[in-house]
Amino acid sequence: MLTDAGREWIVDATGASPEALRDLARVQGVVALLISEMRLSPLGSPQWHVFPGEAGITGMVMLSESHVTVHTFPELGLATFNLYCCRPRPAWPWEERLGQLLSATRVHVRELERGVHALAPTDDDAPPTDRTDLEAEGRS
């Protein structure tokens, strides 16, 4: 039996402005725009943490559809996003929006279908074996 448990976007935006990645209002604006344009439904208030000094920001919004999180790394020019929706949604223009709002020069988007495997585990669903485990057992 197959199941469709939604879609997840894992996004890495690089080359972003360090100043933008330290700016709480700007990062909150990105998340607010994402929620608005995708017509998502927040459950309560977003949670934000601004790290001291030159460090970045972490944020999370619980959604009736699941969640959105963001972590910024100004020292790397990097912002990472994770959006999981258990209900169908069209893709958001990540590249365009993050380029405009955070000055990202490269945006890598991975889109995953969730729950598409059979509910009963099979040998194909076994987790990959760590190479160091094989070496320790003398089977490399």
Protein backbone atom coordinates (compact mmCIF):
# COMPACT_ATOMS: atom_id res chain seq x y z
CA MET A 1 0.00 0.00 0.00
CA LEU A 2 1.38 3.39 -0.97
CA THR A 3 0.69 6.63 0.84
CA ASP A 4 1.16 10.29 -0.01
CA ALA A 5 2.27 12.09 3.14
CA GLY A 6 3.11 15.37 1.49
CA ARG A 7 6.08 17.21 0.09
CA GLU A 8 9.20 18.61 1.71
CA TRP A 9 11.51 21.31 0.43
CA ILE A 10 15.09 21.47 1.71
CA VAL A 11 16.72 24.67 0.53
CA ASP A 12 20.26 26.04 0.76
CA ALA A 13 20.76 29.67 -0.30
CA THR A 14 24.42 30.68 -0.64
CA GLY A 15 26.21 33.90 -1.47
CA ALA A 16 23.65 35.76 0.64
CA SER A 17 24.33 39.10 2.28
CA PRO A 18 25.73 38.61 5.80
CA GLU A 19 23.88 41.75 6.90
CA ALA A 20 20.58 40.37 5.61
CA LEU A 21 21.22 37.06 7.39
CA ARG A 22 21.65 38.90 10.72
CA ASP A 23 18.55 41.07 10.21
CA LEU A 24 15.67 39.53 12.15
CA ALA A 25 13.01 41.67 10.44
CA ARG A 26 14.28 40.69 6.99
CA VAL A 27 14.41 36.95 7.77
CA GLN A 28 10.96 37.14 9.36
CA GLY A 29 9.76 38.89 6.20
CA VAL A 30 11.02 36.04 4.01
CA VAL A 31 9.14 33.48 6.12
CA ALA A 32 6.00 35.66 6.22
CA LEU A 33 6.04 36.01 2.43
CA LEU A 34 6.52 32.25 2.00
CA ILE A 35 3.56 31.56 4.29
CA SER A 36 1.37 34.15 2.58
CA GLU A 37 2.18 33.20 -1.02
CA MET A 38 1.78 29.48 -0.35
CA ARG A 39 -1.41 30.08 1.63
CA LEU A 40 -0.12 28.19 4.65
CA SER A 41 -1.80 28.24 8.07
CA PRO A 42 0.37 29.11 11.10
CA LEU A 43 -0.53 27.62 14.47
CA GLY A 44 0.38 30.22 17.05
CA SER A 45 3.31 32.60 17.02
CA PRO A 46 6.59 31.89 15.25
CA GLN A 47 9.59 31.17 17.46
CA TRP A 48 12.81 33.09 16.80
CA HIS A 49 16.27 33.08 18.30
CA VAL A 50 18.93 35.62 17.40
CA PHE A 51 22.42 34.44 18.27
CA PRO A 52 24.76 37.03 19.81
CA GLY A 53 27.41 38.99 17.99
CA GLU A 54 27.98 38.27 14.32
CA ALA A 55 26.06 34.99 14.40
CA GLY A 56 22.74 34.26 12.72
CA ILE A 57 19.10 33.52 13.36
CA THR A 58 16.99 30.41 13.86
CA GLY A 59 13.25 30.43 13.36
CA MET A 60 10.37 27.98 13.29
CA VAL A 61 6.70 28.27 12.46
CA MET A 62 4.34 25.40 13.23
CA LEU A 63 1.74 25.07 10.48
CA SER A 64 -1.50 23.15 10.22
CA GLU A 65 0.24 21.69 7.15
CA SER A 66 3.38 20.88 9.23
CA HIS A 67 6.30 23.36 9.65
CA VAL A 68 8.80 25.79 8.20
CA THR A 69 12.25 26.38 9.69
CA VAL A 70 15.12 28.68 8.82
CA HIS A 71 18.72 28.87 10.02
CA THR A 72 21.11 31.59 8.88
CA PHE A 73 24.90 31.48 8.90
CA PRO A 74 26.14 35.01 8.08
CA GLU A 75 29.78 33.94 8.35
CA LEU A 76 29.12 31.53 5.47
CA GLY A 77 26.65 33.67 3.50
CA LEU A 78 24.21 30.76 3.94
CA ALA A 79 20.53 30.45 4.79
CA THR A 80 18.92 27.03 5.09
CA PHE A 81 15.17 26.43 4.94
CA ASN A 82 12.99 23.40 5.49
CA LEU A 83 9.31 23.42 4.55
CA TYR A 84 7.18 20.34 5.00
CA CYS A 85 3.57 20.34 3.82
CA CYS A 86 1.36 17.33 4.32
CA ARG A 87 -1.16 18.81 1.87
CA PRO A 88 -0.48 19.42 -1.83
CA ARG A 89 1.08 22.79 -2.63
CA PRO A 90 2.67 24.21 -5.76
CA ALA A 91 6.37 24.96 -5.60
CA TRP A 92 7.42 28.39 -4.32
CA PRO A 93 9.90 30.44 -6.43
CA TRP A 94 12.73 29.91 -3.93
CA GLU A 95 15.50 31.03 -6.29
CA GLU A 96 13.79 34.29 -7.25
CA ARG A 97 12.59 35.22 -3.75
CA LEU A 98 15.82 34.40 -1.89
CA GLY A 99 17.83 36.21 -4.55
CA GLN A 100 15.65 39.31 -4.14
CA LEU A 101 15.25 39.26 -0.36
CA LEU A 102 18.61 37.91 0.88
CA SER A 103 20.82 38.66 -2.14
CA ALA A 104 21.52 34.93 -2.51
CA THR A 105 23.59 34.17 -5.61
CA ARG A 106 22.85 30.43 -5.66
CA VAL A 107 19.82 28.56 -4.38
CA HIS A 108 19.76 24.77 -4.27
CA VAL A 109 16.27 23.29 -3.82
CA ARG A 110 15.64 19.64 -3.04
CA GLU A 111 12.01 18.58 -3.23
CA LEU A 112 11.03 15.28 -1.64
CA GLU A 113 7.81 13.33 -1.82
CA ARG A 114 7.10 11.95 1.64
CA GLY A 115 5.47 8.62 2.45
CA VAL A 116 5.68 7.21 -1.06
CA HIS A 117 7.12 3.87 0.03
CA ALA A 118 5.13 0.84 1.06
CA LEU A 119 3.96 1.01 4.66
CA ALA A 120 5.32 -2.47 5.41
CA PRO A 121 9.15 -2.35 5.43
CA THR A 122 11.03 -4.39 2.85
CA ASP A 123 14.71 -5.20 2.41
CA ASP A 124 14.91 -2.19 0.07
CA ASP A 125 13.87 0.06 2.98
CA ALA A 126 16.75 -1.03 5.22
CA PRO A 127 18.99 1.87 6.25
CA PRO A 128 22.32 2.06 4.44
CA THR A 129 25.20 0.40 6.19
CA ASP A 130 27.91 2.71 7.46
CA ARG A 131 31.22 1.86 5.76
CA THR A 132 33.08 2.09 9.08
CA ASP A 133 30.85 -0.68 10.49
CA LEU A 134 31.91 -3.00 7.66
CA GLU A 135 35.58 -2.17 8.16
CA ALA A 136 35.32 -2.84 11.91
CA GLU A 137 33.84 -6.26 11.16
CA GLY A 138 36.56 -7.02 8.59
CA ARG A 139 34.05 -7.07 5.67
CA SER A 140 35.23 -4.05 3.68
